[in-house]
C-alpha atoms as a PDB file:
ATOM      1  CA  MET A   1      -0.057  -0.119   0.057  1.00  0.00           C
ATOM      2  CA  LYS A   2       1.432   3.395  -1.187  1.00  0.00           C
ATOM      3  CA  ASP A   3      -1.422   5.767  -0.082  1.00  0.00           C
ATOM      4  CA  GLU A   4      -0.697   7.723   2.929  1.00  0.00           C
ATOM      5  CA  ASN A   5      -3.817   7.004   4.830  1.00  0.00           C
ATOM      6  CA  ILE A   6      -2.764   6.301   8.393  1.00  0.00           C
ATOM      7  CA  SER A   7      -2.286   9.253  10.821  1.00  0.00           C
ATOM      8  CA  VAL A   8       0.380   9.270  13.433  1.00  0.00           C
ATOM      9  CA  LYS A   9       1.633  11.481  16.125  1.00  0.00           C
ATOM     10  CA  THR A  10       4.680  10.557  18.187  1.00  0.00           C
ATOM     11  CA  TRP A  11       6.320  12.061  21.283  1.00  0.00           C
ATOM     12  CA  ARG A  12       8.743  11.046  24.191  1.00  0.00           C
ATOM     13  CA  ILE A  13       7.744  11.098  27.728  1.00  0.00           C
ATOM     14  CA  ASN A  14       9.882   9.911  30.614  1.00  0.00           C
ATOM     15  CA  GLY A  15      12.141   7.796  28.200  1.00  0.00           C
ATOM     16  CA  GLU A  16       9.128   6.265  26.662  1.00  0.00           C
ATOM     17  CA  ASN A  17       8.290   6.508  22.688  1.00  0.00           C
ATOM     18  CA  VAL A  18       4.583   7.112  22.576  1.00  0.00           C
ATOM     19  CA  LEU A  19       2.482   6.465  19.199  1.00  0.00           C
ATOM     20  CA  ALA A  20      -0.890   7.584  18.513  1.00  0.00           C
ATOM     21  CA  ALA A  21      -2.427   6.373  15.063  1.00  0.00           C
ATOM     22  CA  CYS A  22      -5.642   6.107  13.380  1.00  0.00           C
ATOM     23  CA  ASP A  23      -7.014   5.434  10.074  1.00  0.00           C
ATOM     24  CA  ALA A  24      -6.909   8.854   8.511  1.00  0.00           C
ATOM     25  CA  GLU A  25     -10.700   9.059   7.803  1.00  0.00           C
ATOM     26  CA  LEU A  26     -11.385   8.877  11.652  1.00  0.00           C
ATOM     27  CA  LEU A  27      -9.611  11.911  12.461  1.00  0.00           C
ATOM     28  CA  GLY A  28     -11.769  14.532  14.295  1.00  0.00           C
ATOM     29  CA  LYS A  29     -14.649  12.038  14.826  1.00  0.00           C
ATOM     30  CA  GLU A  30     -16.574  10.875  17.983  1.00  0.00           C
ATOM     31  CA  PHE A  31     -18.044   7.408  18.601  1.00  0.00           C
ATOM     32  CA  ILE A  32     -20.516   6.866  21.551  1.00  0.00           C
ATOM     33  CA  GLN A  33     -21.746   3.646  22.621  1.00  0.00           C
ATOM     34  CA  GLY A  34     -23.444   3.251  26.106  1.00  0.00           C
ATOM     35  CA  GLU A  35     -21.211   5.124  28.546  1.00  0.00           C
ATOM     36  CA  LEU A  36     -18.148   4.816  26.244  1.00  0.00           C
ATOM     37  CA  THR A  37     -16.746   7.476  24.391  1.00  0.00           C
ATOM     38  CA  LEU A  38     -13.902   7.547  21.672  1.00  0.00           C
ATOM     39  CA  LYS A  39     -12.920  10.892  20.597  1.00  0.00           C
ATOM     40  CA  VAL A  40     -10.158  10.804  17.836  1.00  0.00           C
ATOM     41  CA  PHE A  41      -8.685  14.076  18.277  1.00  0.00           C
ATOM     42  CA  VAL A  42      -6.737  15.819  15.576  1.00  0.00           C
ATOM     43  CA  SER A  43      -4.371  17.154  18.388  1.00  0.00           C
ATOM     44  CA  PHE A  44      -3.761  13.761  19.675  1.00  0.00           C
ATOM     45  CA  TYR A  45      -3.685  11.613  16.646  1.00  0.00           C
ATOM     46  CA  HIS A  46      -2.104  13.708  13.971  1.00  0.00           C
ATOM     47  CA  ASP A  47       1.198  15.101  13.250  1.00  0.00           C
ATOM     48  CA  GLU A  48       1.445  13.579   9.645  1.00  0.00           C
ATOM     49  CA  TYR A  49       0.221  11.113   7.140  1.00  0.00           C
ATOM     50  CA  VAL A  50       2.206   8.005   6.419  1.00  0.00           C
ATOM     51  CA  ASN A  51       1.854   4.769   4.551  1.00  0.00           C
ATOM     52  CA  GLU A  52       1.675   1.279   5.785  1.00  0.00           C
ATOM     53  CA  GLU A  53       5.480   0.604   5.254  1.00  0.00           C
ATOM     54  CA  GLU A  54       6.299   3.831   7.512  1.00  0.00           C
ATOM     55  CA  PHE A  55       3.551   3.115   9.978  1.00  0.00           C
ATOM     56  CA  VAL A  56       5.331  -0.402  10.667  1.00  0.00           C
ATOM     57  CA  ILE A  57       8.548   1.484  11.528  1.00  0.00           C
ATOM     58  CA  TYR A  58       6.565   3.740  14.032  1.00  0.00           C
ATOM     59  CA  LEU A  59       4.985   0.656  15.596  1.00  0.00           C
ATOM     60  CA  ARG A  60       8.260  -1.231  16.134  1.00  0.00           C
ATOM     61  CA  ASN A  61      10.151   1.798  17.690  1.00  0.00           C
ATOM     62  CA  ALA A  62       7.199   2.685  20.132  1.00  0.00           C
ATOM     63  CA  THR A  63       6.854   1.458  23.843  1.00  0.00           C
ATOM     64  CA  ILE A  64       3.254   3.070  24.458  1.00  0.00           C
ATOM     65  CA  ILE A  65       0.713   2.680  21.578  1.00  0.00           C
ATOM     66  CA  ASN A  66      -2.735   4.116  21.071  1.00  0.00           C
ATOM     67  CA  LEU A  67      -4.380   2.808  17.912  1.00  0.00           C
ATOM     68  CA  VAL A  68      -7.879   3.667  16.467  1.00  0.00           C
ATOM     69  CA  GLY A  69      -9.254   1.923  13.249  1.00  0.00           C
ATOM     70  CA  LYS A  70      -9.535  -1.126  11.276  1.00  0.00           C
ATOM     71  CA  ARG A  71      -6.469  -0.534   9.170  1.00  0.00           C
ATOM     72  CA  VAL A  72      -4.038   0.465  11.909  1.00  0.00           C
ATOM     73  CA  ILE A  73      -5.324  -2.311  14.109  1.00  0.00           C
ATOM     74  CA  ASN A  74      -5.079  -5.064  11.464  1.00  0.00           C
ATOM     75  CA  ILE A  75      -1.424  -3.969  10.732  1.00  0.00           C
ATOM     76  CA  ALA A  76      -0.644  -4.184  14.504  1.00  0.00           C
ATOM     77  CA  ILE A  77      -2.127  -7.638  14.688  1.00  0.00           C
ATOM     78  CA  ARG A  78      -0.163  -9.037  11.637  1.00  0.00           C
ATOM     79  CA  GLU A  79       3.134  -7.400  13.220  1.00  0.00           C
ATOM     80  CA  GLY A  80       2.498  -9.130  16.559  1.00  0.00           C
ATOM     81  CA  ILE A  81       2.104  -5.802  18.443  1.00  0.00           C
ATOM     82  CA  VAL A  82      -1.577  -6.282  19.216  1.00  0.00           C
ATOM     83  CA  ASP A  83      -3.602  -9.414  20.327  1.00  0.00           C
ATOM     84  CA  LYS A  84      -7.056  -9.418  18.690  1.00  0.00           C
ATOM     85  CA  ASN A  85      -8.388 -10.782  21.951  1.00  0.00           C
ATOM     86  CA  ASN A  86      -7.428  -7.248  23.523  1.00  0.00           C
ATOM     87  CA  ILE A  87      -9.440  -4.895  21.243  1.00  0.00           C
ATOM     88  CA  ILE A  88     -12.325  -3.075  22.269  1.00  0.00           C
ATOM     89  CA  TYR A  89     -15.146  -1.776  19.774  1.00  0.00           C
ATOM     90  CA  ILE A  90     -16.987   1.211  20.186  1.00  0.00           C
ATOM     91  CA  LYS A  91     -19.718   1.783  17.455  1.00  0.00           C
ATOM     92  CA  SER A  92     -17.907  -0.982  15.476  1.00  0.00           C
ATOM     93  CA  VAL A  93     -14.538   1.119  15.590  1.00  0.00           C
ATOM     94  CA  PRO A  94     -11.644  -0.837  17.099  1.00  0.00           C
ATOM     95  CA  HIS A  95      -9.573   0.661  19.629  1.00  0.00           C
ATOM     96  CA  ALA A  96      -6.267  -0.739  21.153  1.00  0.00           C
ATOM     97  CA  GLN A  97      -3.455   0.229  23.408  1.00  0.00           C
ATOM     98  CA  ALA A  98      -0.178  -1.554  24.145  1.00  0.00           C
ATOM     99  CA  VAL A  99       2.461  -0.788  26.706  1.00  0.00           C
ATOM    100  CA  TYR A 100       6.012  -2.467  26.402  1.00  0.00           C
ATOM    101  CA  MET A 101       7.914  -2.976  29.507  1.00  0.00           C
ATOM    102  CA  LEU A 102      11.643  -2.536  28.654  1.00  0.00           C
ATOM    103  CA  LYS A 103      14.305  -4.371  30.719  1.00  0.00           C
END
C-alpha cells in the first residue's frame, strides 16, 4: 500500500516512545456507545500522514501505543504487536492500547 492513509503522532515522555495512530478518515470523529466515548482528536492522533510501510516502523519503535481504526489495528495484529483478543469496539470502531516494558 503506497497511499498515506494513516495518521500518526509521536512524542517522548519519561524515556518512553509514545505513538498515537488512526485510520486517517477517523480524524476528528467521535464515537459513543453506552457509557463509552471514543474521541479521535486531531491534536492527539495527527502530526503527519504515513503509508503502511512507514507505520510499521513507528510501531516497532514505540513503547506506548494508542490505535484507532481497522487499518492500523489489522497491521498491528499482523506485526504481532496487538492481540486480537485485546481490542475494544465502540460503534464498530476498533481501539487498542499497548505498553511494552523494557528491561
